[in-house]
C-alpha atoms as a PDB file:
ATOM      1  CA  MET A   1     -34.990 -74.796 -30.907  1.00  0.00           C
ATOM      2  CA  PRO A   2     -32.719 -76.599 -33.613  1.00  0.00           C
ATOM      3  CA  GLY A   3     -31.468 -74.170 -35.999  1.00  0.00           C
ATOM      4  CA  ALA A   4     -32.987 -71.216 -34.299  1.00  0.00           C
ATOM      5  CA  ARG A   5     -30.600 -68.405 -33.156  1.00  0.00           C
ATOM      6  CA  GLN A   6     -29.974 -68.359 -29.594  1.00  0.00           C
ATOM      7  CA  TYR A   7     -29.540 -65.737 -26.972  1.00  0.00           C
ATOM      8  CA  ASP A   8     -26.504 -67.386 -25.467  1.00  0.00           C
ATOM      9  CA  ASP A   9     -27.680 -66.068 -22.009  1.00  0.00           C
ATOM     10  CA  PRO A  10     -28.194 -68.311 -19.045  1.00  0.00           C
ATOM     11  CA  CYS A  11     -31.134 -66.351 -17.605  1.00  0.00           C
ATOM     12  CA  GLY A  12     -34.057 -68.439 -17.382  1.00  0.00           C
ATOM     13  CA  VAL A  13     -36.115 -65.925 -19.356  1.00  0.00           C
ATOM     14  CA  ALA A  14     -33.655 -66.017 -22.281  1.00  0.00           C
ATOM     15  CA  ARG A  15     -33.616 -69.972 -22.072  1.00  0.00           C
ATOM     16  CA  ALA A  16     -37.472 -69.840 -22.206  1.00  0.00           C
ATOM     17  CA  LEU A  17     -37.192 -67.623 -25.360  1.00  0.00           C
ATOM     18  CA  ASP A  18     -34.711 -69.807 -26.960  1.00  0.00           C
ATOM     19  CA  VAL A  19     -37.569 -72.483 -27.070  1.00  0.00           C
ATOM     20  CA  VAL A  20     -40.858 -70.403 -27.426  1.00  0.00           C
ATOM     21  CA  GLY A  21     -39.727 -66.956 -28.701  1.00  0.00           C
ATOM     22  CA  GLU A  22     -39.849 -67.779 -32.454  1.00  0.00           C
ATOM     23  CA  ARG A  23     -42.627 -66.088 -34.405  1.00  0.00           C
ATOM     24  CA  TRP A  24     -45.980 -68.064 -34.179  1.00  0.00           C
ATOM     25  CA  THR A  25     -44.663 -70.475 -31.591  1.00  0.00           C
ATOM     26  CA  LEU A  26     -46.907 -69.384 -28.747  1.00  0.00           C
ATOM     27  CA  LEU A  27     -49.883 -68.802 -31.022  1.00  0.00           C
ATOM     28  CA  VAL A  28     -49.648 -72.514 -32.006  1.00  0.00           C
ATOM     29  CA  VAL A  29     -49.554 -73.270 -28.254  1.00  0.00           C
ATOM     30  CA  ARG A  30     -52.672 -71.087 -27.834  1.00  0.00           C
ATOM     31  CA  GLU A  31     -54.493 -72.998 -30.515  1.00  0.00           C
ATOM     32  CA  LEU A  32     -53.747 -76.226 -28.641  1.00  0.00           C
ATOM     33  CA  LEU A  33     -54.397 -75.090 -25.214  1.00  0.00           C
ATOM     34  CA  PHE A  34     -57.914 -76.205 -24.840  1.00  0.00           C
ATOM     35  CA  GLY A  35     -57.262 -79.503 -26.296  1.00  0.00           C
ATOM     36  CA  PRO A  36     -55.968 -81.545 -29.791  1.00  0.00           C
ATOM     37  CA  LYS A  37     -56.492 -80.189 -33.030  1.00  0.00           C
ATOM     38  CA  ARG A  38     -56.041 -81.368 -36.752  1.00  0.00           C
ATOM     39  CA  PHE A  39     -53.656 -79.405 -39.004  1.00  0.00           C
ATOM     40  CA  SER A  40     -56.435 -78.233 -41.070  1.00  0.00           C
ATOM     41  CA  ASP A  41     -58.126 -76.559 -37.850  1.00  0.00           C
ATOM     42  CA  LEU A  42     -54.804 -75.131 -36.868  1.00  0.00           C
ATOM     43  CA  VAL A  43     -54.596 -73.438 -40.278  1.00  0.00           C
ATOM     44  CA  ARG A  44     -58.149 -72.122 -39.713  1.00  0.00           C
ATOM     45  CA  GLY A  45     -57.330 -70.684 -36.305  1.00  0.00           C
ATOM     46  CA  LEU A  46     -54.201 -69.184 -37.673  1.00  0.00           C
ATOM     47  CA  PRO A  47     -55.159 -67.555 -40.894  1.00  0.00           C
ATOM     48  CA  GLY A  48     -52.015 -65.389 -41.126  1.00  0.00           C
ATOM     49  CA  ILE A  49     -49.676 -68.280 -41.098  1.00  0.00           C
ATOM     50  CA  SER A  50     -48.558 -70.144 -44.021  1.00  0.00           C
ATOM     51  CA  GLN A  51     -48.923 -73.988 -44.138  1.00  0.00           C
ATOM     52  CA  ASN A  52     -45.141 -74.544 -44.525  1.00  0.00           C
ATOM     53  CA  VAL A  53     -44.384 -72.319 -41.486  1.00  0.00           C
ATOM     54  CA  LEU A  54     -46.954 -73.885 -39.481  1.00  0.00           C
ATOM     55  CA  SER A  55     -45.499 -77.186 -40.437  1.00  0.00           C
ATOM     56  CA  GLN A  56     -42.019 -76.032 -39.309  1.00  0.00           C
ATOM     57  CA  ARG A  57     -43.245 -74.576 -35.898  1.00  0.00           C
ATOM     58  CA  LEU A  58     -44.913 -77.929 -35.251  1.00  0.00           C
ATOM     59  CA  ARG A  59     -41.719 -79.821 -36.061  1.00  0.00           C
ATOM     60  CA  ASP A  60     -39.813 -77.307 -33.760  1.00  0.00           C
ATOM     61  CA  GLY A  61     -42.462 -77.821 -31.250  1.00  0.00           C
ATOM     62  CA  ALA A  62     -41.965 -81.506 -31.271  1.00  0.00           C
ATOM     63  CA  ALA A  63     -38.159 -81.262 -31.178  1.00  0.00           C
ATOM     64  CA  ALA A  64     -38.558 -79.033 -28.110  1.00  0.00           C
ATOM     65  CA  GLY A  65     -40.791 -81.685 -26.442  1.00  0.00           C
ATOM     66  CA  LEU A  66     -43.818 -79.206 -26.466  1.00  0.00           C
ATOM     67  CA  VAL A  67     -46.059 -80.736 -29.153  1.00  0.00           C
ATOM     68  CA  GLU A  68     -46.860 -84.348 -30.249  1.00  0.00           C
ATOM     69  CA  ARG A  69     -48.821 -85.838 -33.233  1.00  0.00           C
ATOM     70  CA  ARG A  70     -51.337 -88.500 -32.316  1.00  0.00           C
ATOM     71  CA  ARG A  71     -53.292 -90.642 -34.951  1.00  0.00           C
ATOM     72  CA  LEU A  72     -57.138 -90.901 -33.929  1.00  0.00           C
ATOM     73  CA  GLY A  73     -58.543 -94.375 -34.037  1.00  0.00           C
ATOM     74  CA  PRO A  74     -61.910 -95.493 -35.437  1.00  0.00           C
ATOM     75  CA  PRO A  75     -64.618 -94.468 -36.104  1.00  0.00           C
ATOM     76  CA  VAL A  76     -62.717 -91.188 -36.791  1.00  0.00           C
ATOM     77  CA  SER A  77     -59.480 -91.370 -38.732  1.00  0.00           C
ATOM     78  CA  GLY A  78     -56.627 -88.886 -39.174  1.00  0.00           C
ATOM     79  CA  GLN A  79     -54.034 -87.096 -36.840  1.00  0.00           C
ATOM     80  CA  VAL A  80     -54.267 -84.428 -34.401  1.00  0.00           C
ATOM     81  CA  TYR A  81     -51.553 -82.313 -32.615  1.00  0.00           C
ATOM     82  CA  GLU A  82     -51.720 -81.849 -28.884  1.00  0.00           C
ATOM     83  CA  LEU A  83     -49.420 -80.332 -26.188  1.00  0.00           C
ATOM     84  CA  THR A  84     -47.268 -82.603 -24.238  1.00  0.00           C
ATOM     85  CA  GLU A  85     -46.907 -82.273 -20.450  1.00  0.00           C
ATOM     86  CA  ARG A  86     -44.056 -79.784 -20.969  1.00  0.00           C
ATOM     87  CA  GLY A  87     -46.074 -77.937 -23.508  1.00  0.00           C
ATOM     88  CA  GLU A  88     -49.242 -77.858 -20.996  1.00  0.00           C
ATOM     89  CA  ALA A  89     -47.096 -76.261 -18.451  1.00  0.00           C
ATOM     90  CA  LEU A  90     -47.088 -73.124 -20.507  1.00  0.00           C
ATOM     91  CA  ARG A  91     -50.682 -72.614 -19.982  1.00  0.00           C
ATOM     92  CA  PRO A  92     -50.444 -70.232 -17.076  1.00  0.00           C
ATOM     93  CA  VAL A  93     -47.716 -68.224 -19.129  1.00  0.00           C
ATOM     94  CA  VAL A  94     -50.075 -67.881 -22.042  1.00  0.00           C
ATOM     95  CA  ILE A  95     -52.990 -67.010 -19.835  1.00  0.00           C
ATOM     96  CA  GLU A  96     -51.090 -64.292 -18.015  1.00  0.00           C
ATOM     97  CA  LEU A  97     -49.606 -63.067 -21.198  1.00  0.00           C
ATOM     98  CA  ALA A  98     -53.176 -62.815 -22.806  1.00  0.00           C
ATOM     99  CA  ARG A  99     -54.212 -61.038 -19.613  1.00  0.00           C
ATOM    100  CA  TRP A 100     -51.399 -58.654 -19.784  1.00  0.00           C
ATOM    101  CA  GLY A 101     -52.053 -58.058 -23.545  1.00  0.00           C
ATOM    102  CA  SER A 102     -55.657 -57.528 -23.533  1.00  0.00           C
ATOM    103  CA  ARG A 103     -55.242 -54.063 -21.911  1.00  0.00           C
ATOM    104  CA  ILE A 104     -52.971 -53.011 -24.826  1.00  0.00           C
ATOM    105  CA  PRO A 105     -55.063 -50.861 -27.420  1.00  0.00           C
ATOM    106  CA  THR A 106     -55.611 -52.704 -30.665  1.00  0.00           C
ATOM    107  CA  THR A 107     -56.160 -51.331 -34.129  1.00  0.00           C
ATOM    108  CA  SER A 108     -56.731 -54.971 -35.777  1.00  0.00           C
ATOM    109  CA  ARG A 109     -59.859 -55.529 -37.515  1.00  0.00           C
ATOM    110  CA  ALA A 110     -59.434 -59.350 -37.623  1.00  0.00           C
ATOM    111  CA  ASP A 111     -61.691 -61.762 -35.993  1.00  0.00           C
ATOM    112  CA  LEU A 112     -60.595 -63.827 -32.902  1.00  0.00           C
ATOM    113  CA  SER A 113     -60.245 -67.513 -33.535  1.00  0.00           C
ATOM    114  CA  ALA A 114     -62.472 -69.472 -31.558  1.00  0.00           C
ATOM    115  CA  ASP A 115     -59.541 -70.648 -29.383  1.00  0.00           C
ATOM    116  CA  ALA A 116     -58.299 -66.982 -28.763  1.00  0.00           C
ATOM    117  CA  LEU A 117     -62.006 -66.231 -27.896  1.00  0.00           C
ATOM    118  CA  ALA A 118     -62.045 -69.087 -25.255  1.00  0.00           C
ATOM    119  CA  LEU A 119     -58.680 -67.636 -24.036  1.00  0.00           C
ATOM    120  CA  ALA A 120     -60.123 -64.100 -23.694  1.00  0.00           C
ATOM    121  CA  LEU A 121     -63.118 -65.624 -21.796  1.00  0.00           C
ATOM    122  CA  LEU A 122     -60.621 -67.006 -19.304  1.00  0.00           C
ATOM    123  CA  THR A 123     -58.829 -64.061 -18.837  1.00  0.00           C
ATOM    124  CA  THR A 124     -61.566 -61.631 -18.199  1.00  0.00           C
ATOM    125  CA  PHE A 125     -64.027 -63.783 -16.302  1.00  0.00           C
ATOM    126  CA  GLU A 126     -65.417 -62.019 -13.207  1.00  0.00           C
ATOM    127  CA  PRO A 127     -65.727 -64.514 -10.482  1.00  0.00           C
ATOM    128  CA  ASP A 128     -67.537 -62.450  -7.791  1.00  0.00           C
ATOM    129  CA  GLY A 129     -71.091 -63.437  -7.542  1.00  0.00           C
ATOM    130  CA  ALA A 130     -70.882 -66.002 -10.337  1.00  0.00           C
ATOM    131  CA  GLU A 131     -73.174 -69.068 -10.157  1.00  0.00           C
ATOM    132  CA  ASP A 132     -71.997 -72.378 -10.735  1.00  0.00           C
ATOM    133  CA  VAL A 133     -73.101 -73.323 -14.523  1.00  0.00           C
ATOM    134  CA  ARG A 134     -72.056 -75.678 -17.165  1.00  0.00           C
ATOM    135  CA  VAL A 135     -72.336 -74.262 -20.735  1.00  0.00           C
ATOM    136  CA  THR A 136     -71.549 -75.837 -24.116  1.00  0.00           C
ATOM    137  CA  LEU A 137     -70.529 -73.136 -26.428  1.00  0.00           C
ATOM    138  CA  VAL A 138     -70.938 -74.131 -30.128  1.00  0.00           C
ATOM    139  CA  LEU A 139     -69.051 -71.618 -32.150  1.00  0.00           C
ATOM    140  CA  GLY A 140     -69.360 -72.869 -36.133  1.00  0.00           C
ATOM    141  CA  ASP A 141     -67.216 -76.037 -36.204  1.00  0.00           C
ATOM    142  CA  ASP A 142     -65.610 -75.519 -32.652  1.00  0.00           C
ATOM    143  CA  ARG A 143     -67.198 -76.729 -29.431  1.00  0.00           C
ATOM    144  CA  PHE A 144     -66.132 -75.908 -25.813  1.00  0.00           C
ATOM    145  CA  ALA A 145     -67.341 -77.190 -22.466  1.00  0.00           C
ATOM    146  CA  ALA A 146     -67.400 -73.886 -20.095  1.00  0.00           C
ATOM    147  CA  GLU A 147     -67.735 -74.743 -16.449  1.00  0.00           C
ATOM    148  CA  VAL A 148     -67.937 -72.385 -13.467  1.00  0.00           C
ATOM    149  CA  THR A 149     -67.580 -74.084 -10.004  1.00  0.00           C
ATOM    150  CA  GLU A 150     -67.100 -71.804  -6.855  1.00  0.00           C
ATOM    151  CA  GLY A 151     -66.140 -68.804  -8.945  1.00  0.00           C
ATOM    152  CA  ARG A 152     -63.694 -70.727 -11.122  1.00  0.00           C
ATOM    153  CA  LEU A 153     -64.103 -71.023 -14.848  1.00  0.00           C
ATOM    154  CA  GLU A 154     -62.558 -74.034 -16.612  1.00  0.00           C
ATOM    155  CA  ILE A 155     -62.911 -74.271 -20.515  1.00  0.00           C
ATOM    156  CA  VAL A 156     -61.881 -77.214 -22.597  1.00  0.00           C
ATOM    157  CA  ARG A 157     -62.586 -78.466 -25.898  1.00  0.00           C
ATOM    158  CA  GLY A 158     -65.789 -80.616 -26.418  1.00  0.00           C
ATOM    159  CA  GLU A 159     -69.142 -80.654 -25.048  1.00  0.00           C
ATOM    160  CA  ALA A 160     -70.044 -80.028 -21.143  1.00  0.00           C
ATOM    161  CA  GLU A 161     -71.470 -83.080 -19.387  1.00  0.00           C
ATOM    162  CA  HIS A 162     -75.109 -82.517 -18.592  1.00  0.00           C
ATOM    163  CA  PRO A 163     -74.985 -78.739 -19.731  1.00  0.00           C
ATOM    164  CA  ASP A 164     -77.518 -76.296 -18.214  1.00  0.00           C
ATOM    165  CA  ALA A 165     -77.318 -74.633 -21.649  1.00  0.00           C
ATOM    166  CA  GLU A 166     -75.904 -74.909 -25.143  1.00  0.00           C
ATOM    167  CA  ILE A 167     -75.144 -71.623 -26.778  1.00  0.00           C
ATOM    168  CA  ARG A 168     -74.815 -71.782 -30.673  1.00  0.00           C
ATOM    169  CA  THR A 169     -73.504 -68.848 -32.490  1.00  0.00           C
ATOM    170  CA  THR A 170     -70.101 -68.014 -33.816  1.00  0.00           C
ATOM    171  CA  ALA A 171     -66.918 -66.666 -32.301  1.00  0.00           C
ATOM    172  CA  ALA A 172     -67.799 -63.152 -33.696  1.00  0.00           C
ATOM    173  CA  GLY A 173     -71.203 -63.561 -32.223  1.00  0.00           C
ATOM    174  CA  LEU A 174     -70.199 -64.675 -28.810  1.00  0.00           C
ATOM    175  CA  ARG A 175     -67.525 -61.785 -28.843  1.00  0.00           C
ATOM    176  CA  SER A 176     -70.103 -59.305 -29.466  1.00  0.00           C
ATOM    177  CA  MET A 177     -72.092 -60.388 -26.346  1.00  0.00           C
ATOM    178  CA  ALA A 178     -69.260 -61.023 -24.119  1.00  0.00           C
ATOM    179  CA  PHE A 179     -67.261 -57.953 -24.785  1.00  0.00           C
ATOM    180  CA  GLY A 180     -69.467 -55.816 -27.121  1.00  0.00           C
ATOM    181  CA  GLY A 181     -72.476 -55.145 -24.793  1.00  0.00           C
ATOM    182  CA  ARG A 182     -74.900 -57.115 -27.078  1.00  0.00           C
ATOM    183  CA  ASP A 183     -77.427 -59.048 -24.882  1.00  0.00           C
ATOM    184  CA  LEU A 184     -78.066 -62.655 -25.589  1.00  0.00           C
ATOM    185  CA  ALA A 185     -81.948 -62.000 -26.286  1.00  0.00           C
ATOM    186  CA  THR A 186     -81.288 -59.614 -28.857  1.00  0.00           C
ATOM    187  CA  ALA A 187     -78.764 -61.865 -30.578  1.00  0.00           C
ATOM    188  CA  ILE A 188     -81.372 -64.678 -30.573  1.00  0.00           C
ATOM    189  CA  ALA A 189     -84.102 -62.435 -31.934  1.00  0.00           C
ATOM    190  CA  ALA A 190     -81.898 -61.478 -34.995  1.00  0.00           C
ATOM    191  CA  GLY A 191     -81.121 -65.023 -35.486  1.00  0.00           C
ATOM    192  CA  ASP A 192     -77.436 -64.714 -34.628  1.00  0.00           C
ATOM    193  CA  ALA A 193     -77.578 -67.078 -31.700  1.00  0.00           C
ATOM    194  CA  GLU A 194     -79.728 -70.202 -30.356  1.00  0.00           C
ATOM    195  CA  VAL A 195     -79.935 -71.508 -26.851  1.00  0.00           C
ATOM    196  CA  ARG A 196     -80.936 -74.783 -25.958  1.00  0.00           C
ATOM    197  CA  GLY A 197     -81.720 -75.249 -22.230  1.00  0.00           C
ATOM    198  CA  ASP A 198     -81.895 -72.604 -19.527  1.00  0.00           C
ATOM    199  CA  GLU A 199     -81.646 -69.257 -21.432  1.00  0.00           C
ATOM    200  CA  ALA A 200     -81.358 -67.199 -18.165  1.00  0.00           C
ATOM    201  CA  LYS A 201     -78.248 -68.954 -17.073  1.00  0.00           C
ATOM    202  CA  ALA A 202     -76.844 -68.772 -20.510  1.00  0.00           C
ATOM    203  CA  SER A 203     -77.582 -64.867 -20.531  1.00  0.00           C
ATOM    204  CA  ARG A 204     -76.045 -64.613 -17.145  1.00  0.00           C
ATOM    205  CA  PHE A 205     -72.961 -66.402 -18.344  1.00  0.00           C
ATOM    206  CA  VAL A 206     -72.295 -64.257 -21.086  1.00  0.00           C
ATOM    207  CA  CYS A 207     -72.392 -61.268 -19.178  1.00  0.00           C
ATOM    208  CA  ARG A 208     -69.545 -62.428 -16.543  1.00  0.00           C
ATOM    209  CA  PHE A 209     -66.621 -61.044 -18.979  1.00  0.00           C
ATOM    210  CA  PRO A 210     -65.906 -57.243 -18.503  1.00  0.00           C
ATOM    211  CA  ARG A 211     -64.051 -55.682 -21.051  1.00  0.00           C
ATOM    212  CA  PRO A 212     -60.408 -54.894 -19.914  1.00  0.00           C
ATOM    213  CA  ALA A 213     -59.600 -51.204 -19.559  1.00  0.00           C
ATOM    214  CA  PRO A 214     -57.084 -50.235 -22.165  1.00  0.00           C
ATOM    215  CA  VAL A 215     -53.860 -48.885 -20.781  1.00  0.00           C
ATOM    216  CA  SER A 216     -50.984 -46.988 -22.710  1.00  0.00           C
ATOM    217  CA  ALA A 217     -47.383 -46.574 -21.615  1.00  0.00           C
ATOM    218  CA  ARG A 218     -48.166 -43.033 -20.474  1.00  0.00           C
ATOM    219  CA  SER A 219     -51.240 -43.883 -18.606  1.00  0.00           C
ATOM    220  CA  ALA A 220     -49.368 -46.725 -16.784  1.00  0.00           C
ATOM    221  CA  GLY A 221     -46.850 -44.050 -15.332  1.00  0.00           C
ATOM    222  CA  TYR A 222     -43.840 -44.785 -17.952  1.00  0.00           C
ATOM    223  CA  ARG A 223     -41.884 -41.958 -19.361  1.00  0.00           C
ATOM    224  CA  SER A 224     -39.538 -41.845 -21.974  1.00  0.00           C
ATOM    225  CA  GLN A 225     -35.849 -40.734 -21.492  1.00  0.00           C
ATOM    226  CA  ALA A 226     -36.543 -37.907 -23.774  1.00  0.00           C
ATOM    227  CA  GLU A 227     -39.083 -36.499 -21.086  1.00  0.00           C
END
């Protein structure tokens, strides 16, 4: 990126990191992976970043051909940021990086953003025996269309067409059901979730995400040189 330190290494990995290795860059990509967002929505999804740094990362992303800004037409006014074709090509990279990182133990008490949670759903989905289903996930101000077809899960920002069910909760609420072992009926009874449509299908959907087993360097078979 312009002005950033370069590795000066012809390896493809080094050249890729020259573009996306700057702090926050891939998390900005993560927040745009499911569709366009306004600047204020990016700020909400990345609470640890300052607005100045976010603006710089968006400028860097635009200069690198990863991100572009688009003005919304009427009746909605304003501007959104979205991934270009080149930025969208990072999708499998980000998904696999998230899948790899999901097994690293975390001590963070921070909540997942809605987009980070959607990415976690993609990386943990268990396809074996999954039924075809269309679900709209309403997570506060965020909406995602989740569709399972022939054992493949797709998630995009927006609402599912002719959904079997709509699940209304928060990102933390869905996380507690998908990864925390809380069943949907309990969340509904407690007033933490609402389902419109087929509750049975919705319940089976939120059970399709086994929590990744943590792995450490030692358990993975690595040894330090000191050993």
